């Protein structure tokens, strides 16, 4: 026997609420990711991978990304510590990762960073100076 159920609101209201909640969870992840000076600096150095990681020989830092171990070494932190920081940046969609053999490489997600900056401007109603 199939039981029926009754929705108190139209289905599109539930879908819209789920999308809104999902979007807000992503924004909270992004805010949390940017709350750390170290994670902000990681995003800054990943902006110019060829300059900051020119000594990486295993893959092109601008095309494939920068090896997690090299990022940890750059900041003089342990690999597990850097891995946690990079995981938060990945969850926020600010970086993408690619695994090649035993190495994981990180690239900035420019679209996600631009979308976040736009969202902040719109959410805070920031007007151009002048």
C-alpha atoms as a PDB file:
ATOM      1  CA  UNK A   1       0.000   0.000   0.000  1.00  0.00           C
ATOM      2  CA  UNK A   2       1.356   3.382  -0.973  1.00  0.00           C
ATOM      3  CA  UNK A   3       0.733   6.073   1.540  1.00  0.00           C
ATOM      4  CA  UNK A   4       0.172   9.629   0.446  1.00  0.00           C
ATOM      5  CA  UNK A   5       1.516  12.678   2.160  1.00  0.00           C
ATOM      6  CA  UNK A   6       0.481  16.277   2.132  1.00  0.00           C
ATOM      7  CA  UNK A   7       2.797  19.218   1.629  1.00  0.00           C
ATOM      8  CA  UNK A   8       1.764  22.301   3.540  1.00  0.00           C
ATOM      9  CA  UNK A   9       3.349  24.517   0.861  1.00  0.00           C
ATOM     10  CA  UNK A  10       3.888  24.136  -2.875  1.00  0.00           C
ATOM     11  CA  UNK A  11       6.847  21.955  -3.815  1.00  0.00           C
ATOM     12  CA  UNK A  12       8.764  24.867  -5.348  1.00  0.00           C
ATOM     13  CA  UNK A  13       8.907  26.530  -1.894  1.00  0.00           C
ATOM     14  CA  UNK A  14      10.721  23.499  -0.471  1.00  0.00           C
ATOM     15  CA  UNK A  15      13.114  23.372  -3.416  1.00  0.00           C
ATOM     16  CA  UNK A  16      13.841  27.100  -3.145  1.00  0.00           C
ATOM     17  CA  UNK A  17      14.467  26.753   0.601  1.00  0.00           C
ATOM     18  CA  UNK A  18      16.867  23.834   0.019  1.00  0.00           C
ATOM     19  CA  UNK A  19      18.752  25.832  -2.629  1.00  0.00           C
ATOM     20  CA  UNK A  20      18.903  28.869  -0.313  1.00  0.00           C
ATOM     21  CA  UNK A  21      20.162  26.784   2.626  1.00  0.00           C
ATOM     22  CA  UNK A  22      22.746  25.083   0.399  1.00  0.00           C
ATOM     23  CA  UNK A  23      23.907  28.458  -0.867  1.00  0.00           C
ATOM     24  CA  UNK A  24      24.191  29.837   2.674  1.00  0.00           C
ATOM     25  CA  UNK A  25      26.167  26.792   3.833  1.00  0.00           C
ATOM     26  CA  UNK A  26      28.579  27.394   0.944  1.00  0.00           C
ATOM     27  CA  UNK A  27      28.873  31.081   1.939  1.00  0.00           C
ATOM     28  CA  UNK A  28      29.558  30.096   5.558  1.00  0.00           C
ATOM     29  CA  UNK A  29      32.296  27.721   4.353  1.00  0.00           C
ATOM     30  CA  UNK A  30      33.749  30.570   2.297  1.00  0.00           C
ATOM     31  CA  UNK A  31      33.661  33.020   5.200  1.00  0.00           C
ATOM     32  CA  UNK A  32      35.327  30.445   7.432  1.00  0.00           C
ATOM     33  CA  UNK A  33      37.979  29.721   4.793  1.00  0.00           C
ATOM     34  CA  UNK A  34      38.896  33.408   4.573  1.00  0.00           C
ATOM     35  CA  UNK A  35      38.952  33.874   8.359  1.00  0.00           C
ATOM     36  CA  UNK A  36      42.523  32.576   8.560  1.00  0.00           C
ATOM     37  CA  UNK A  37      45.477  34.811   7.622  1.00  0.00           C
ATOM     38  CA  UNK A  38      47.379  31.685   6.527  1.00  0.00           C
ATOM     39  CA  UNK A  39      44.608  30.583   4.149  1.00  0.00           C
ATOM     40  CA  UNK A  40      44.401  34.126   2.750  1.00  0.00           C
ATOM     41  CA  UNK A  41      48.155  34.048   2.136  1.00  0.00           C
ATOM     42  CA  UNK A  42      47.864  30.625   0.460  1.00  0.00           C
ATOM     43  CA  UNK A  43      45.359  32.117  -1.976  1.00  0.00           C
ATOM     44  CA  UNK A  44      47.730  35.047  -2.583  1.00  0.00           C
ATOM     45  CA  UNK A  45      50.756  32.857  -3.404  1.00  0.00           C
ATOM     46  CA  UNK A  46      48.642  30.575  -5.598  1.00  0.00           C
ATOM     47  CA  UNK A  47      47.746  33.666  -7.631  1.00  0.00           C
ATOM     48  CA  UNK A  48      51.281  33.637  -9.087  1.00  0.00           C
ATOM     49  CA  UNK A  49      52.303  29.978  -9.046  1.00  0.00           C
ATOM     50  CA  UNK A  50      55.123  30.342 -11.566  1.00  0.00           C
ATOM     51  CA  UNK A  51      56.752  33.083  -9.488  1.00  0.00           C
ATOM     52  CA  UNK A  52      56.228  31.514  -6.073  1.00  0.00           C
ATOM     53  CA  UNK A  53      56.817  27.879  -7.015  1.00  0.00           C
ATOM     54  CA  UNK A  54      59.179  28.075 -10.002  1.00  0.00           C
ATOM     55  CA  UNK A  55      61.315  25.321  -8.446  1.00  0.00           C
ATOM     56  CA  UNK A  56      58.468  22.769  -8.755  1.00  0.00           C
ATOM     57  CA  UNK A  57      59.651  20.218 -11.308  1.00  0.00           C
ATOM     58  CA  UNK A  58      56.956  17.533 -11.087  1.00  0.00           C
ATOM     59  CA  UNK A  59      54.295  19.560 -12.948  1.00  0.00           C
ATOM     60  CA  UNK A  60      53.675  23.014 -14.376  1.00  0.00           C
ATOM     61  CA  UNK A  61      52.422  25.038 -11.372  1.00  0.00           C
ATOM     62  CA  UNK A  62      50.251  27.309 -13.535  1.00  0.00           C
ATOM     63  CA  UNK A  63      48.576  24.513 -15.513  1.00  0.00           C
ATOM     64  CA  UNK A  64      48.415  21.552 -13.117  1.00  0.00           C
ATOM     65  CA  UNK A  65      48.718  23.366  -9.805  1.00  0.00           C
ATOM     66  CA  UNK A  66      51.123  23.506  -6.896  1.00  0.00           C
ATOM     67  CA  UNK A  67      51.962  20.389  -4.912  1.00  0.00           C
ATOM     68  CA  UNK A  68      50.454  20.416  -1.413  1.00  0.00           C
ATOM     69  CA  UNK A  69      53.831  19.500   0.059  1.00  0.00           C
ATOM     70  CA  UNK A  70      55.472  22.497  -1.604  1.00  0.00           C
ATOM     71  CA  UNK A  71      52.780  24.797  -0.215  1.00  0.00           C
ATOM     72  CA  UNK A  72      53.376  23.384   3.279  1.00  0.00           C
ATOM     73  CA  UNK A  73      57.114  23.835   2.839  1.00  0.00           C
ATOM     74  CA  UNK A  74      56.629  27.413   1.590  1.00  0.00           C
ATOM     75  CA  UNK A  75      54.814  28.300   4.827  1.00  0.00           C
ATOM     76  CA  UNK A  76      57.016  26.160   7.104  1.00  0.00           C
ATOM     77  CA  UNK A  77      54.078  24.142   8.409  1.00  0.00           C
ATOM     78  CA  UNK A  78      53.604  20.389   8.555  1.00  0.00           C
ATOM     79  CA  UNK A  79      51.888  18.633   5.671  1.00  0.00           C
ATOM     80  CA  UNK A  80      48.922  17.519   7.855  1.00  0.00           C
ATOM     81  CA  UNK A  81      48.393  21.102   9.059  1.00  0.00           C
ATOM     82  CA  UNK A  82      48.499  22.474   5.523  1.00  0.00           C
ATOM     83  CA  UNK A  83      46.238  19.672   4.348  1.00  0.00           C
ATOM     84  CA  UNK A  84      43.532  20.820   6.809  1.00  0.00           C
ATOM     85  CA  UNK A  85      43.860  24.421   5.594  1.00  0.00           C
ATOM     86  CA  UNK A  86      43.685  23.376   1.953  1.00  0.00           C
ATOM     87  CA  UNK A  87      40.670  21.179   2.679  1.00  0.00           C
ATOM     88  CA  UNK A  88      38.788  24.219   4.000  1.00  0.00           C
ATOM     89  CA  UNK A  89      39.729  26.199   0.890  1.00  0.00           C
ATOM     90  CA  UNK A  90      38.582  23.307  -1.289  1.00  0.00           C
ATOM     91  CA  UNK A  91      35.292  22.946   0.595  1.00  0.00           C
ATOM     92  CA  UNK A  92      34.750  26.680   0.037  1.00  0.00           C
ATOM     93  CA  UNK A  93      35.433  26.034  -3.677  1.00  0.00           C
ATOM     94  CA  UNK A  94      38.299  28.563  -3.665  1.00  0.00           C
ATOM     95  CA  UNK A  95      40.772  25.926  -4.882  1.00  0.00           C
ATOM     96  CA  UNK A  96      40.531  22.768  -6.911  1.00  0.00           C
ATOM     97  CA  UNK A  97      42.786  19.772  -6.471  1.00  0.00           C
ATOM     98  CA  UNK A  98      44.143  17.226  -8.914  1.00  0.00           C
ATOM     99  CA  UNK A  99      45.817  14.000  -7.893  1.00  0.00           C
ATOM    100  CA  UNK A 100      48.668  12.735 -10.058  1.00  0.00           C
ATOM    101  CA  UNK A 101      50.329   9.563  -8.860  1.00  0.00           C
ATOM    102  CA  UNK A 102      51.013  10.151  -5.157  1.00  0.00           C
ATOM    103  CA  UNK A 103      50.952  13.972  -5.314  1.00  0.00           C
ATOM    104  CA  UNK A 104      48.037  16.362  -4.955  1.00  0.00           C
ATOM    105  CA  UNK A 105      48.187  19.703  -6.774  1.00  0.00           C
ATOM    106  CA  UNK A 106      46.181  22.843  -5.967  1.00  0.00           C
ATOM    107  CA  UNK A 107      44.906  25.592  -8.271  1.00  0.00           C
ATOM    108  CA  UNK A 108      42.962  28.739  -7.411  1.00  0.00           C
ATOM    109  CA  UNK A 109      39.360  28.809  -8.582  1.00  0.00           C
ATOM    110  CA  UNK A 110      39.201  32.340  -9.996  1.00  0.00           C
ATOM    111  CA  UNK A 111      35.481  32.145 -10.796  1.00  0.00           C
ATOM    112  CA  UNK A 112      34.562  31.158  -7.237  1.00  0.00           C
ATOM    113  CA  UNK A 113      36.738  33.940  -5.805  1.00  0.00           C
ATOM    114  CA  UNK A 114      35.167  36.509  -8.164  1.00  0.00           C
ATOM    115  CA  UNK A 115      31.649  35.243  -7.368  1.00  0.00           C
ATOM    116  CA  UNK A 116      32.364  35.531  -3.642  1.00  0.00           C
ATOM    117  CA  UNK A 117      33.687  39.093  -4.035  1.00  0.00           C
ATOM    118  CA  UNK A 118      30.557  40.021  -6.034  1.00  0.00           C
ATOM    119  CA  UNK A 119      28.318  38.416  -3.404  1.00  0.00           C
ATOM    120  CA  UNK A 120      30.050  40.425  -0.651  1.00  0.00           C
ATOM    121  CA  UNK A 121      29.620  43.690  -2.589  1.00  0.00           C
ATOM    122  CA  UNK A 122      25.934  42.961  -3.206  1.00  0.00           C
ATOM    123  CA  UNK A 123      25.201  41.638   0.287  1.00  0.00           C
ATOM    124  CA  UNK A 124      26.765  44.653   1.968  1.00  0.00           C
ATOM    125  CA  UNK A 125      25.445  47.075  -0.655  1.00  0.00           C
ATOM    126  CA  UNK A 126      28.943  48.406  -1.290  1.00  0.00           C
ATOM    127  CA  UNK A 127      28.971  51.404  -3.568  1.00  0.00           C
ATOM    128  CA  UNK A 128      31.957  52.534  -5.625  1.00  0.00           C
ATOM    129  CA  UNK A 129      33.925  55.304  -3.895  1.00  0.00           C
ATOM    130  CA  UNK A 130      33.450  58.824  -5.144  1.00  0.00           C
END
